[in-house]
């Protein structure tokens, strides 16, 4: 029962830390003055035509801001999935190597709480 409580507390701490980090990252992402770089991308003409057609309907000033939004949205989803998968894989690997659940929880707690 103590282990379940510890795990639950650890999960809450991780959720709080994740939320804080997401908010900080979001603040950085909405900064209009962040540096930009040019990228050349070859795309089928019909896709570009569709992007140009749908951009104003979705409230975008053109196809480039819409493409940035699409890329950013998918990138954030993949980054979150990878972050979660990496931590899960690490914990599983440590358990397979005989590291006790208590030590893993303590280590994660230290990382999350500083």
PDB file of N, CA and C in Angstrom:
ATOM      1  N   UNK A   1       0.825  -1.184   0.000  1.00  0.00           N
ATOM      2  CA  UNK A   1       0.000   0.000   0.000  1.00  0.00           C
ATOM      3  C   UNK A   1       0.875   1.256   0.000  1.00  0.00           C
ATOM      4  N   UNK A   2       1.985   1.223   0.720  1.00  0.00           N
ATOM      5  CA  UNK A   2       2.907   2.346   0.720  1.00  0.00           C
ATOM      6  C   UNK A   2       3.474   2.561  -0.677  1.00  0.00           C
ATOM      7  N   UNK A   3       3.783   1.465  -1.375  1.00  0.00           N
ATOM      8  CA  UNK A   3       4.324   1.572  -2.721  1.00  0.00           C
ATOM      9  C   UNK A   3       3.325   2.217  -3.655  1.00  0.00           C
ATOM     10  N   UNK A   4       2.053   1.833  -3.543  1.00  0.00           N
ATOM     11  CA  UNK A   4       1.030   2.430  -4.398  1.00  0.00           C
ATOM     12  C   UNK A   4       0.936   3.924  -4.134  1.00  0.00           C
ATOM     13  N   UNK A   5       1.027   4.317  -2.862  1.00  0.00           N
ATOM     14  CA  UNK A   5       0.963   5.733  -2.528  1.00  0.00           C
ATOM     15  C   UNK A   5       2.178   6.467  -3.099  1.00  0.00           C
ATOM     16  N   UNK A   6       3.340   5.846  -2.944  1.00  0.00           N
ATOM     17  CA  UNK A   6       4.564   6.461  -3.453  1.00  0.00           C
ATOM     18  C   UNK A   6       4.486   6.617  -4.964  1.00  0.00           C
ATOM     19  N   UNK A   7       3.994   5.595  -5.637  1.00  0.00           N
ATOM     20  CA  UNK A   7       3.864   5.669  -7.088  1.00  0.00           C
ATOM     21  C   UNK A   7       2.880   6.751  -7.476  1.00  0.00           C
ATOM     22  N   UNK A   8       1.770   6.818  -6.747  1.00  0.00           N
ATOM     23  CA  UNK A   8       0.763   7.817  -7.049  1.00  0.00           C
ATOM     24  C   UNK A   8       1.325   9.215  -6.843  1.00  0.00           C
ATOM     25  N   UNK A   9       2.059   9.408  -5.733  1.00  0.00           N
ATOM     26  CA  UNK A   9       2.678  10.701  -5.469  1.00  0.00           C
ATOM     27  C   UNK A   9       3.698  11.060  -6.522  1.00  0.00           C
ATOM     28  N   UNK A  10       4.467  10.083  -6.942  1.00  0.00           N
ATOM     29  CA  UNK A  10       5.473  10.289  -7.969  1.00  0.00           C
ATOM     30  C   UNK A  10       4.818  10.673  -9.287  1.00  0.00           C
ATOM     31  N   UNK A  11       3.723   9.999  -9.610  1.00  0.00           N
ATOM     32  CA  UNK A  11       3.007  10.321 -10.840  1.00  0.00           C
ATOM     33  C   UNK A  11       2.458  11.739 -10.789  1.00  0.00           C
ATOM     34  N   UNK A  12       1.940  12.159  -9.626  1.00  0.00           N
ATOM     35  CA  UNK A  12       1.434  13.521  -9.476  1.00  0.00           C
ATOM     36  C   UNK A  12       2.560  14.533  -9.620  1.00  0.00           C
ATOM     37  N   UNK A  13       3.728  14.236  -9.022  1.00  0.00           N
ATOM     38  CA  UNK A  13       4.870  15.135  -9.133  1.00  0.00           C
ATOM     39  C   UNK A  13       5.311  15.258 -10.584  1.00  0.00           C
ATOM     40  N   UNK A  14       5.344  14.129 -11.256  1.00  0.00           N
ATOM     41  CA  UNK A  14       5.764  14.151 -12.658  1.00  0.00           C
ATOM     42  C   UNK A  14       4.768  14.945 -13.496  1.00  0.00           C
ATOM     43  N   UNK A  15       3.465  14.738 -13.237  1.00  0.00           N
ATOM     44  CA  UNK A  15       2.443  15.470 -13.977  1.00  0.00           C
ATOM     45  C   UNK A  15       2.575  16.971 -13.744  1.00  0.00           C
ATOM     46  N   UNK A  16       2.836  17.372 -12.498  1.00  0.00           N
ATOM     47  CA  UNK A  16       3.000  18.792 -12.183  1.00  0.00           C
ATOM     48  C   UNK A  16       4.222  19.358 -12.887  1.00  0.00           C
ATOM     49  N   UNK A  17       5.333  18.633 -12.833  1.00  0.00           N
ATOM     50  CA  UNK A  17       6.558  19.084 -13.496  1.00  0.00           C
ATOM     51  C   UNK A  17       6.350  19.147 -15.007  1.00  0.00           C
ATOM     52  N   UNK A  18       5.712  18.124 -15.581  1.00  0.00           N
ATOM     53  CA  UNK A  18       5.434  18.110 -17.020  1.00  0.00           C
ATOM     54  C   UNK A  18       4.572  19.296 -17.414  1.00  0.00           C
ATOM     55  N   UNK A  19       3.553  19.598 -16.614  1.00  0.00           N
ATOM     56  CA  UNK A  19       2.673  20.723 -16.907  1.00  0.00           C
ATOM     57  C   UNK A  19       3.450  22.033 -16.896  1.00  0.00           C
ATOM     58  N   UNK A  20       4.304  22.213 -15.881  1.00  0.00           N
ATOM     59  CA  UNK A  20       5.110  23.428 -15.792  1.00  0.00           C
ATOM     60  C   UNK A  20       6.009  23.556 -17.018  1.00  0.00           C
ATOM     61  N   UNK A  21       6.671  22.446 -17.390  1.00  0.00           N
ATOM     62  CA  UNK A  21       7.573  22.469 -18.530  1.00  0.00           C
ATOM     63  C   UNK A  21       6.816  22.767 -19.816  1.00  0.00           C
ATOM     64  N   UNK A  22       5.626  22.205 -19.960  1.00  0.00           N
ATOM     65  CA  UNK A  22       4.826  22.456 -21.152  1.00  0.00           C
ATOM     66  C   UNK A  22       4.421  23.920 -21.236  1.00  0.00           C
ATOM     67  N   UNK A  23       4.062  24.518 -20.095  1.00  0.00           N
ATOM     68  CA  UNK A  23       3.686  25.925 -20.077  1.00  0.00           C
ATOM     69  C   UNK A  23       4.875  26.794 -20.469  1.00  0.00           C
ATOM     70  N   UNK A  24       6.049  26.484 -19.920  1.00  0.00           N
ATOM     71  CA  UNK A  24       7.251  27.250 -20.253  1.00  0.00           C
ATOM     72  C   UNK A  24       7.579  27.119 -21.742  1.00  0.00           C
ATOM     73  N   UNK A  25       7.481  25.907 -22.269  1.00  0.00           N
ATOM     74  CA  UNK A  25       7.745  25.698 -23.700  1.00  0.00           C
ATOM     75  C   UNK A  25       6.725  26.432 -24.556  1.00  0.00           C
ATOM     76  N   UNK A  26       5.475  26.429 -24.124  1.00  0.00           N
ATOM     77  CA  UNK A  26       4.423  27.119 -24.866  1.00  0.00           C
ATOM     78  C   UNK A  26       4.687  28.618 -24.890  1.00  0.00           C
ATOM     79  N   UNK A  27       5.130  29.178 -23.769  1.00  0.00           N
ATOM     80  CA  UNK A  27       5.457  30.612 -23.724  1.00  0.00           C
ATOM     81  C   UNK A  27       6.535  30.936 -24.750  1.00  0.00           C
ATOM     82  N   UNK A  28       7.530  30.067 -24.855  1.00  0.00           N
ATOM     83  CA  UNK A  28       8.597  30.288 -25.831  1.00  0.00           C
ATOM     84  C   UNK A  28       8.055  30.199 -27.252  1.00  0.00           C
ATOM     85  N   UNK A  29       7.144  29.268 -27.478  1.00  0.00           N
ATOM     86  CA  UNK A  29       6.625  29.035 -28.828  1.00  0.00           C
ATOM     87  C   UNK A  29       5.727  30.164 -29.321  1.00  0.00           C
ATOM     88  N   UNK A  30       5.057  30.862 -28.415  1.00  0.00           N
ATOM     89  CA  UNK A  30       4.167  31.931 -28.864  1.00  0.00           C
ATOM     90  C   UNK A  30       4.898  33.264 -29.021  1.00  0.00           C
ATOM     91  N   UNK A  31       6.178  33.286 -28.680  1.00  0.00           N
ATOM     92  CA  UNK A  31       6.981  34.484 -28.867  1.00  0.00           C
ATOM     93  C   UNK A  31       7.156  34.725 -30.360  1.00  0.00           C
ATOM     94  N   UNK A  32       6.634  35.828 -30.835  1.00  0.00           N
ATOM     95  CA  UNK A  32       6.705  36.122 -32.269  1.00  0.00           C
ATOM     96  C   UNK A  32       8.115  36.524 -32.720  1.00  0.00           C
ATOM     97  N   UNK A  33       8.972  36.840 -31.775  1.00  0.00           N
ATOM     98  CA  UNK A  33      10.328  37.295 -32.111  1.00  0.00           C
ATOM     99  C   UNK A  33      11.363  36.174 -32.094  1.00  0.00           C
ATOM    100  N   UNK A  34      10.920  34.919 -32.024  1.00  0.00           N
ATOM    101  CA  UNK A  34      11.935  33.871 -32.010  1.00  0.00           C
ATOM    102  C   UNK A  34      12.565  33.746 -33.388  1.00  0.00           C
ATOM    103  N   UNK A  35      13.825  33.340 -33.415  1.00  0.00           N
ATOM    104  CA  UNK A  35      14.550  33.268 -34.690  1.00  0.00           C
ATOM    105  C   UNK A  35      13.908  32.277 -35.659  1.00  0.00           C
ATOM    106  N   UNK A  36      13.949  32.650 -36.918  1.00  0.00           N
ATOM    107  CA  UNK A  36      13.409  31.788 -37.975  1.00  0.00           C
ATOM    108  C   UNK A  36      14.522  31.509 -38.981  1.00  0.00           C
ATOM    109  N   UNK A  37      14.352  30.424 -39.711  1.00  0.00           N
ATOM    110  CA  UNK A  37      15.280  30.086 -40.775  1.00  0.00           C
ATOM    111  C   UNK A  37      14.464  29.668 -41.991  1.00  0.00           C
ATOM    112  N   UNK A  38      15.011  29.851 -43.160  1.00  0.00           N
ATOM    113  CA  UNK A  38      14.332  29.460 -44.392  1.00  0.00           C
ATOM    114  C   UNK A  38      14.587  27.995 -44.691  1.00  0.00           C
ATOM    115  N   UNK A  39      13.559  27.337 -45.194  1.00  0.00           N
ATOM    116  CA  UNK A  39      13.648  25.930 -45.567  1.00  0.00           C
ATOM    117  C   UNK A  39      13.027  25.782 -46.950  1.00  0.00           C
ATOM    118  N   UNK A  40      13.702  25.086 -47.825  1.00  0.00           N
ATOM    119  CA  UNK A  40      13.155  24.803 -49.151  1.00  0.00           C
ATOM    120  C   UNK A  40      12.537  23.414 -49.103  1.00  0.00           C
ATOM    121  N   UNK A  41      11.301  23.331 -49.544  1.00  0.00           N
ATOM    122  CA  UNK A  41      10.565  22.073 -49.467  1.00  0.00           C
ATOM    123  C   UNK A  41       9.836  21.831 -50.779  1.00  0.00           C
ATOM    124  N   UNK A  42      10.090  20.701 -51.390  1.00  0.00           N
ATOM    125  CA  UNK A  42       9.387  20.352 -52.624  1.00  0.00           C
ATOM    126  C   UNK A  42       8.106  19.626 -52.261  1.00  0.00           C
ATOM    127  N   UNK A  43       6.988  20.120 -52.790  1.00  0.00           N
ATOM    128  CA  UNK A  43       5.678  19.522 -52.513  1.00  0.00           C
ATOM    129  C   UNK A  43       4.888  19.467 -53.808  1.00  0.00           C
ATOM    130  N   UNK A  44       3.985  18.506 -53.918  1.00  0.00           N
ATOM    131  CA  UNK A  44       3.131  18.459 -55.109  1.00  0.00           C
ATOM    132  C   UNK A  44       2.292  19.744 -55.216  1.00  0.00           C
ATOM    133  N   UNK A  45       2.111  20.211 -56.434  1.00  0.00           N
ATOM    134  CA  UNK A  45       1.375  21.461 -56.665  1.00  0.00           C
ATOM    135  C   UNK A  45      -0.036  21.413 -56.105  1.00  0.00           C
ATOM    136  N   UNK A  46      -0.701  20.263 -56.228  1.00  0.00           N
ATOM    137  CA  UNK A  46      -2.087  20.189 -55.753  1.00  0.00           C
ATOM    138  C   UNK A  46      -2.162  20.327 -54.231  1.00  0.00           C
ATOM    139  N   UNK A  47      -1.130  19.853 -53.534  1.00  0.00           N
ATOM    140  CA  UNK A  47      -1.091  19.996 -52.074  1.00  0.00           C
ATOM    141  C   UNK A  47      -0.933  21.471 -51.710  1.00  0.00           C
ATOM    142  N   UNK A  48      -0.034  22.164 -52.407  1.00  0.00           N
ATOM    143  CA  UNK A  48       0.158  23.588 -52.157  1.00  0.00           C
ATOM    144  C   UNK A  48      -1.132  24.355 -52.468  1.00  0.00           C
ATOM    145  N   UNK A  49      -1.789  24.007 -53.569  1.00  0.00           N
ATOM    146  CA  UNK A  49      -3.062  24.655 -53.912  1.00  0.00           C
ATOM    147  C   UNK A  49      -4.102  24.430 -52.819  1.00  0.00           C
ATOM    148  N   UNK A  50      -4.174  23.220 -52.301  1.00  0.00           N
ATOM    149  CA  UNK A  50      -5.120  22.927 -51.215  1.00  0.00           C
ATOM    150  C   UNK A  50      -4.782  23.720 -49.951  1.00  0.00           C
ATOM    151  N   UNK A  51      -3.497  23.815 -49.635  1.00  0.00           N
ATOM    152  CA  UNK A  51      -3.081  24.592 -48.466  1.00  0.00           C
ATOM    153  C   UNK A  51      -3.467  26.064 -48.618  1.00  0.00           C
ATOM    154  N   UNK A  52      -3.241  26.615 -49.821  1.00  0.00           N
ATOM    155  CA  UNK A  52      -3.599  28.013 -50.083  1.00  0.00           C
ATOM    156  C   UNK A  52      -5.106  28.216 -49.973  1.00  0.00           C
ATOM    157  N   UNK A  53      -5.869  27.228 -50.411  1.00  0.00           N
ATOM    158  CA  UNK A  53      -7.328  27.333 -50.379  1.00  0.00           C
ATOM    159  C   UNK A  53      -7.866  27.245 -48.953  1.00  0.00           C
ATOM    160  N   UNK A  54      -7.313  26.347 -48.158  1.00  0.00           N
ATOM    161  CA  UNK A  54      -7.861  26.098 -46.827  1.00  0.00           C
ATOM    162  C   UNK A  54      -7.312  27.053 -45.760  1.00  0.00           C
ATOM    163  N   UNK A  55      -6.133  27.642 -45.991  1.00  0.00           N
ATOM    164  CA  UNK A  55      -5.508  28.507 -44.982  1.00  0.00           C
ATOM    165  C   UNK A  55      -6.430  29.635 -44.509  1.00  0.00           C
ATOM    166  N   UNK A  56      -7.006  30.427 -45.405  1.00  0.00           N
ATOM    167  CA  UNK A  56      -7.865  31.515 -44.920  1.00  0.00           C
ATOM    168  C   UNK A  56      -9.147  31.013 -44.238  1.00  0.00           C
ATOM    169  N   UNK A  57      -9.623  29.867 -44.645  1.00  0.00           N
ATOM    170  CA  UNK A  57     -10.822  29.290 -44.014  1.00  0.00           C
ATOM    171  C   UNK A  57     -10.532  28.940 -42.560  1.00  0.00           C
ATOM    172  N   UNK A  58      -9.288  28.504 -42.293  1.00  0.00           N
ATOM    173  CA  UNK A  58      -8.890  28.143 -40.933  1.00  0.00           C
ATOM    174  C   UNK A  58      -8.323  29.336 -40.155  1.00  0.00           C
ATOM    175  N   UNK A  59      -8.320  30.511 -40.780  1.00  0.00           N
ATOM    176  CA  UNK A  59      -7.882  31.715 -40.085  1.00  0.00           C
ATOM    177  C   UNK A  59      -6.408  32.035 -40.223  1.00  0.00           C
ATOM    178  N   UNK A  60      -5.736  31.421 -41.174  1.00  0.00           N
ATOM    179  CA  UNK A  60      -4.321  31.684 -41.397  1.00  0.00           C
ATOM    180  C   UNK A  60      -4.160  32.690 -42.532  1.00  0.00           C
ATOM    181  N   UNK A  61      -3.093  33.485 -42.461  1.00  0.00           N
ATOM    182  CA  UNK A  61      -2.872  34.518 -43.476  1.00  0.00           C
ATOM    183  C   UNK A  61      -2.358  33.942 -44.800  1.00  0.00           C
ATOM    184  N   UNK A  62      -1.907  32.720 -44.797  1.00  0.00           N
ATOM    185  CA  UNK A  62      -1.405  32.087 -46.013  1.00  0.00           C
ATOM    186  C   UNK A  62      -1.026  30.645 -45.743  1.00  0.00           C
ATOM    187  N   UNK A  63      -0.487  29.999 -46.768  1.00  0.00           N
ATOM    188  CA  UNK A  63      -0.181  28.575 -46.622  1.00  0.00           C
ATOM    189  C   UNK A  63       1.051  28.334 -45.740  1.00  0.00           C
ATOM    190  N   UNK A  64       2.005  29.283 -45.703  1.00  0.00           N
ATOM    191  CA  UNK A  64       3.195  29.063 -44.875  1.00  0.00           C
ATOM    192  C   UNK A  64       2.860  29.019 -43.381  1.00  0.00           C
ATOM    193  N   UNK A  65       2.067  29.960 -42.865  1.00  0.00           N
ATOM    194  CA  UNK A  65       1.698  29.849 -41.446  1.00  0.00           C
ATOM    195  C   UNK A  65       0.909  28.570 -41.145  1.00  0.00           C
ATOM    196  N   UNK A  66       0.081  28.142 -42.086  1.00  0.00           N
ATOM    197  CA  UNK A  66      -0.664  26.899 -41.900  1.00  0.00           C
ATOM    198  C   UNK A  66       0.288  25.706 -41.864  1.00  0.00           C
ATOM    199  N   UNK A  67       1.266  25.673 -42.764  1.00  0.00           N
ATOM    200  CA  UNK A  67       2.245  24.577 -42.763  1.00  0.00           C
ATOM    201  C   UNK A  67       3.043  24.571 -41.461  1.00  0.00           C
ATOM    202  N   UNK A  68       3.440  25.761 -40.968  1.00  0.00           N
ATOM    203  CA  UNK A  68       4.152  25.821 -39.691  1.00  0.00           C
ATOM    204  C   UNK A  68       3.286  25.269 -38.562  1.00  0.00           C
ATOM    205  N   UNK A  69       1.994  25.602 -38.597  1.00  0.00           N
ATOM    206  CA  UNK A  69       1.086  25.106 -37.557  1.00  0.00           C
ATOM    207  C   UNK A  69       0.961  23.588 -37.633  1.00  0.00           C
ATOM    208  N   UNK A  70       0.782  23.059 -38.839  1.00  0.00           N
ATOM    209  CA  UNK A  70       0.681  21.604 -39.005  1.00  0.00           C
ATOM    210  C   UNK A  70       1.953  20.909 -38.522  1.00  0.00           C
ATOM    211  N   UNK A  71       3.099  21.405 -38.941  1.00  0.00           N
ATOM    212  CA  UNK A  71       4.378  20.792 -38.554  1.00  0.00           C
ATOM    213  C   UNK A  71       4.573  20.894 -37.048  1.00  0.00           C
ATOM    214  N   UNK A  72       4.313  22.069 -36.489  1.00  0.00           N
ATOM    215  CA  UNK A  72       4.474  22.257 -35.047  1.00  0.00           C
ATOM    216  C   UNK A  72       3.577  21.348 -34.239  1.00  0.00           C
ATOM    217  N   UNK A  73       2.323  21.208 -34.678  1.00  0.00           N
ATOM    218  CA  UNK A  73       1.377  20.354 -33.966  1.00  0.00           C
ATOM    219  C   UNK A  73       1.831  18.898 -33.967  1.00  0.00           C
ATOM    220  N   UNK A  74       2.202  18.387 -35.111  1.00  0.00           N
ATOM    221  CA  UNK A  74       2.646  16.995 -35.202  1.00  0.00           C
ATOM    222  C   UNK A  74       3.972  16.794 -34.475  1.00  0.00           C
ATOM    223  N   UNK A  75       4.850  17.770 -34.562  1.00  0.00           N
ATOM    224  CA  UNK A  75       6.133  17.677 -33.879  1.00  0.00           C
ATOM    225  C   UNK A  75       5.940  17.594 -32.366  1.00  0.00           C
ATOM    226  N   UNK A  76       5.071  18.442 -31.799  1.00  0.00           N
ATOM    227  CA  UNK A  76       4.817  18.401 -30.352  1.00  0.00           C
ATOM    228  C   UNK A  76       4.239  17.056 -29.932  1.00  0.00           C
ATOM    229  N   UNK A  77       3.332  16.505 -30.736  1.00  0.00           N
ATOM    230  CA  UNK A  77       2.756  15.194 -30.426  1.00  0.00           C
ATOM    231  C   UNK A  77       3.835  14.120 -30.413  1.00  0.00           C
ATOM    232  N   UNK A  78       4.690  14.130 -31.414  1.00  0.00           N
ATOM    233  CA  UNK A  78       5.752  13.125 -31.493  1.00  0.00           C
ATOM    234  C   UNK A  78       6.770  13.298 -30.368  1.00  0.00           C
ATOM    235  N   UNK A  79       7.121  14.544 -30.040  1.00  0.00           N
ATOM    236  CA  UNK A  79       8.060  14.786 -28.950  1.00  0.00           C
ATOM    237  C   UNK A  79       7.500  14.290 -27.623  1.00  0.00           C
ATOM    238  N   UNK A  80       6.229  14.560 -27.380  1.00  0.00           N
ATOM    239  CA  UNK A  80       5.615  14.102 -26.135  1.00  0.00           C
ATOM    240  C   UNK A  80       5.582  12.571 -26.077  1.00  0.00           C
ATOM    241  N   UNK A  81       5.235  11.954 -27.197  1.00  0.00           N
ATOM    242  CA  UNK A  81       5.193  10.482 -27.246  1.00  0.00           C
ATOM    243  C   UNK A  81       6.588   9.906 -27.018  1.00  0.00           C
ATOM    244  N   UNK A  82       7.594  10.490 -27.657  1.00  0.00           N
ATOM    245  CA  UNK A  82       8.964  10.005 -27.500  1.00  0.00           C
ATOM    246  C   UNK A  82       9.462  10.195 -26.075  1.00  0.00           C
ATOM    247  N   UNK A  83       9.177  11.357 -25.476  1.00  0.00           N
ATOM    248  CA  UNK A  83       9.591  11.593 -24.089  1.00  0.00           C
ATOM    249  C   UNK A  83       8.988  10.551 -23.169  1.00  0.00           C
ATOM    250  N   UNK A  84       7.702  10.299 -23.319  1.00  0.00           N
ATOM    251  CA  UNK A  84       7.027   9.308 -22.471  1.00  0.00           C
ATOM    252  C   UNK A  84       7.562   7.912 -22.736  1.00  0.00           C
ATOM    253  N   UNK A  85       7.771   7.572 -24.011  1.00  0.00           N
ATOM    254  CA  UNK A  85       8.283   6.252 -24.367  1.00  0.00           C
ATOM    255  C   UNK A  85       9.697   6.043 -23.824  1.00  0.00           C
ATOM    256  N   UNK A  86      10.528   7.078 -23.862  1.00  0.00           N
ATOM    257  CA  UNK A  86      11.902   6.978 -23.389  1.00  0.00           C
ATOM    258  C   UNK A  86      11.949   6.712 -21.898  1.00  0.00           C
ATOM    259  N   UNK A  87      11.158   7.440 -21.130  1.00  0.00           N
ATOM    260  CA  UNK A  87      11.135   7.244 -19.674  1.00  0.00           C
ATOM    261  C   UNK A  87      10.612   5.849 -19.345  1.00  0.00           C
ATOM    262  N   UNK A  88       9.554   5.438 -20.009  1.00  0.00           N
ATOM    263  CA  UNK A  88       8.989   4.108 -19.771  1.00  0.00           C
ATOM    264  C   UNK A  88      10.000   3.024 -20.110  1.00  0.00           C
ATOM    265  N   UNK A  89      10.695   3.179 -21.234  1.00  0.00           N
ATOM    266  CA  UNK A  89      11.701   2.195 -21.637  1.00  0.00           C
ATOM    267  C   UNK A  89      12.852   2.150 -20.642  1.00  0.00           C
ATOM    268  N   UNK A  90      13.279   3.313 -20.159  1.00  0.00           N
ATOM    269  CA  UNK A  90      14.365   3.357 -19.185  1.00  0.00           C
ATOM    270  C   UNK A  90      13.971   2.645 -17.894  1.00  0.00           C
ATOM    271  N   UNK A  91      12.787   2.922 -17.393  1.00  0.00           N
ATOM    272  CA  UNK A  91      12.322   2.279 -16.153  1.00  0.00           C
ATOM    273  C   UNK A  91      12.238   0.770 -16.352  1.00  0.00           C
ATOM    274  N   UNK A  92      11.696   0.328 -17.476  1.00  0.00           N
ATOM    275  CA  UNK A  92      11.608  -1.109 -17.758  1.00  0.00           C
ATOM    276  C   UNK A  92      12.987  -1.741 -17.815  1.00  0.00           C
ATOM    277  N   UNK A  93      13.920  -1.060 -18.457  1.00  0.00           N
ATOM    278  CA  UNK A  93      15.278  -1.577 -18.574  1.00  0.00           C
ATOM    279  C   UNK A  93      15.935  -1.695 -17.203  1.00  0.00           C
ATOM    280  N   UNK A  94      15.754  -0.686 -16.359  1.00  0.00           N
ATOM    281  CA  UNK A  94      16.336  -0.739 -15.017  1.00  0.00           C
ATOM    282  C   UNK A  94      15.736  -1.879 -14.193  1.00  0.00           C
ATOM    283  N   UNK A  95      14.424  -2.090 -14.318  1.00  0.00           N
ATOM    284  CA  UNK A  95      13.773  -3.192 -13.594  1.00  0.00           C
ATOM    285  C   UNK A  95      14.328  -4.533 -14.063  1.00  0.00           C
ATOM    286  N   UNK A  96      14.514  -4.699 -15.383  1.00  0.00           N
ATOM    287  CA  UNK A  96      15.062  -5.948 -15.924  1.00  0.00           C
ATOM    288  C   UNK A  96      16.475  -6.204 -15.413  1.00  0.00           C
ATOM    289  N   UNK A  97      17.200  -5.141 -15.126  1.00  0.00           N
ATOM    290  CA  UNK A  97      18.578  -5.259 -14.634  1.00  0.00           C
ATOM    291  C   UNK A  97      18.642  -5.424 -13.118  1.00  0.00           C
ATOM    292  N   UNK A  98      17.458  -5.540 -12.491  1.00  0.00           N
ATOM    293  CA  UNK A  98      17.424  -5.816 -11.063  1.00  0.00           C
ATOM    294  C   UNK A  98      17.401  -4.592 -10.156  1.00  0.00           C
ATOM    295  N   UNK A  99      17.260  -3.417 -10.716  1.00  0.00           N
ATOM    296  CA  UNK A  99      17.178  -2.214  -9.885  1.00  0.00           C
ATOM    297  C   UNK A  99      15.793  -2.201  -9.232  1.00  0.00           C
ATOM    298  N   UNK A 100      15.785  -2.004  -7.929  1.00  0.00           N
ATOM    299  CA  UNK A 100      14.519  -2.074  -7.194  1.00  0.00           C
ATOM    300  C   UNK A 100      13.598  -0.913  -7.562  1.00  0.00           C
ATOM    301  N   UNK A 101      12.310  -1.165  -7.420  1.00  0.00           N
ATOM    302  CA  UNK A 101      11.296  -0.157  -7.712  1.00  0.00           C
ATOM    303  C   UNK A 101      11.502   1.064  -6.817  1.00  0.00           C
ATOM    304  N   UNK A 102      11.889   0.829  -5.576  1.00  0.00           N
ATOM    305  CA  UNK A 102      12.107   1.917  -4.630  1.00  0.00           C
ATOM    306  C   UNK A 102      13.218   2.849  -5.114  1.00  0.00           C
ATOM    307  N   UNK A 103      14.323   2.276  -5.567  1.00  0.00           N
ATOM    308  CA  UNK A 103      15.444   3.087  -6.046  1.00  0.00           C
ATOM    309  C   UNK A 103      15.044   3.862  -7.296  1.00  0.00           C
ATOM    310  N   UNK A 104      14.302   3.220  -8.183  1.00  0.00           N
ATOM    311  CA  UNK A 104      13.842   3.899  -9.396  1.00  0.00           C
ATOM    312  C   UNK A 104      12.945   5.075  -9.027  1.00  0.00           C
ATOM    313  N   UNK A 105      12.015   4.866  -8.106  1.00  0.00           N
ATOM    314  CA  UNK A 105      11.104   5.932  -7.679  1.00  0.00           C
ATOM    315  C   UNK A 105      11.870   7.076  -7.029  1.00  0.00           C
ATOM    316  N   UNK A 106      12.868   6.733  -6.202  1.00  0.00           N
ATOM    317  CA  UNK A 106      13.673   7.775  -5.553  1.00  0.00           C
ATOM    318  C   UNK A 106      14.441   8.588  -6.603  1.00  0.00           C
ATOM    319  N   UNK A 107      15.012   7.906  -7.568  1.00  0.00           N
ATOM    320  CA  UNK A 107      15.779   8.580  -8.606  1.00  0.00           C
ATOM    321  C   UNK A 107      14.864   9.495  -9.448  1.00  0.00           C
ATOM    322  N   UNK A 108      13.708   8.986  -9.820  1.00  0.00           N
ATOM    323  CA  UNK A 108      12.770   9.812 -10.595  1.00  0.00           C
ATOM    324  C   UNK A 108      12.306  11.008  -9.776  1.00  0.00           C
ATOM    325  N   UNK A 109      12.071  10.790  -8.510  1.00  0.00           N
ATOM    326  CA  UNK A 109      11.644  11.875  -7.616  1.00  0.00           C
ATOM    327  C   UNK A 109      12.715  12.964  -7.549  1.00  0.00           C
ATOM    328  N   UNK A 110      13.974  12.557  -7.443  1.00  0.00           N
ATOM    329  CA  UNK A 110      15.072  13.526  -7.402  1.00  0.00           C
ATOM    330  C   UNK A 110      15.151  14.319  -8.690  1.00  0.00           C
ATOM    331  N   UNK A 111      14.994  13.640  -9.807  1.00  0.00           N
ATOM    332  CA  UNK A 111      15.066  14.318 -11.100  1.00  0.00           C
ATOM    333  C   UNK A 111      13.913  15.306 -11.236  1.00  0.00           C
ATOM    334  N   UNK A 112      12.729  14.889 -10.846  1.00  0.00           N
ATOM    335  CA  UNK A 112      11.552  15.744 -11.015  1.00  0.00           C
ATOM    336  C   UNK A 112      11.501  16.887 -10.019  1.00  0.00           C
ATOM    337  N   UNK A 113      12.036  16.681  -8.843  1.00  0.00           N
ATOM    338  CA  UNK A 113      11.951  17.708  -7.799  1.00  0.00           C
ATOM    339  C   UNK A 113      13.240  18.501  -7.611  1.00  0.00           C
ATOM    340  N   UNK A 114      14.230  18.156  -8.375  1.00  0.00           N
ATOM    341  CA  UNK A 114      15.493  18.894  -8.299  1.00  0.00           C
ATOM    342  C   UNK A 114      16.389  18.426  -7.270  1.00  0.00           C
TER     343      UNK A 114
END
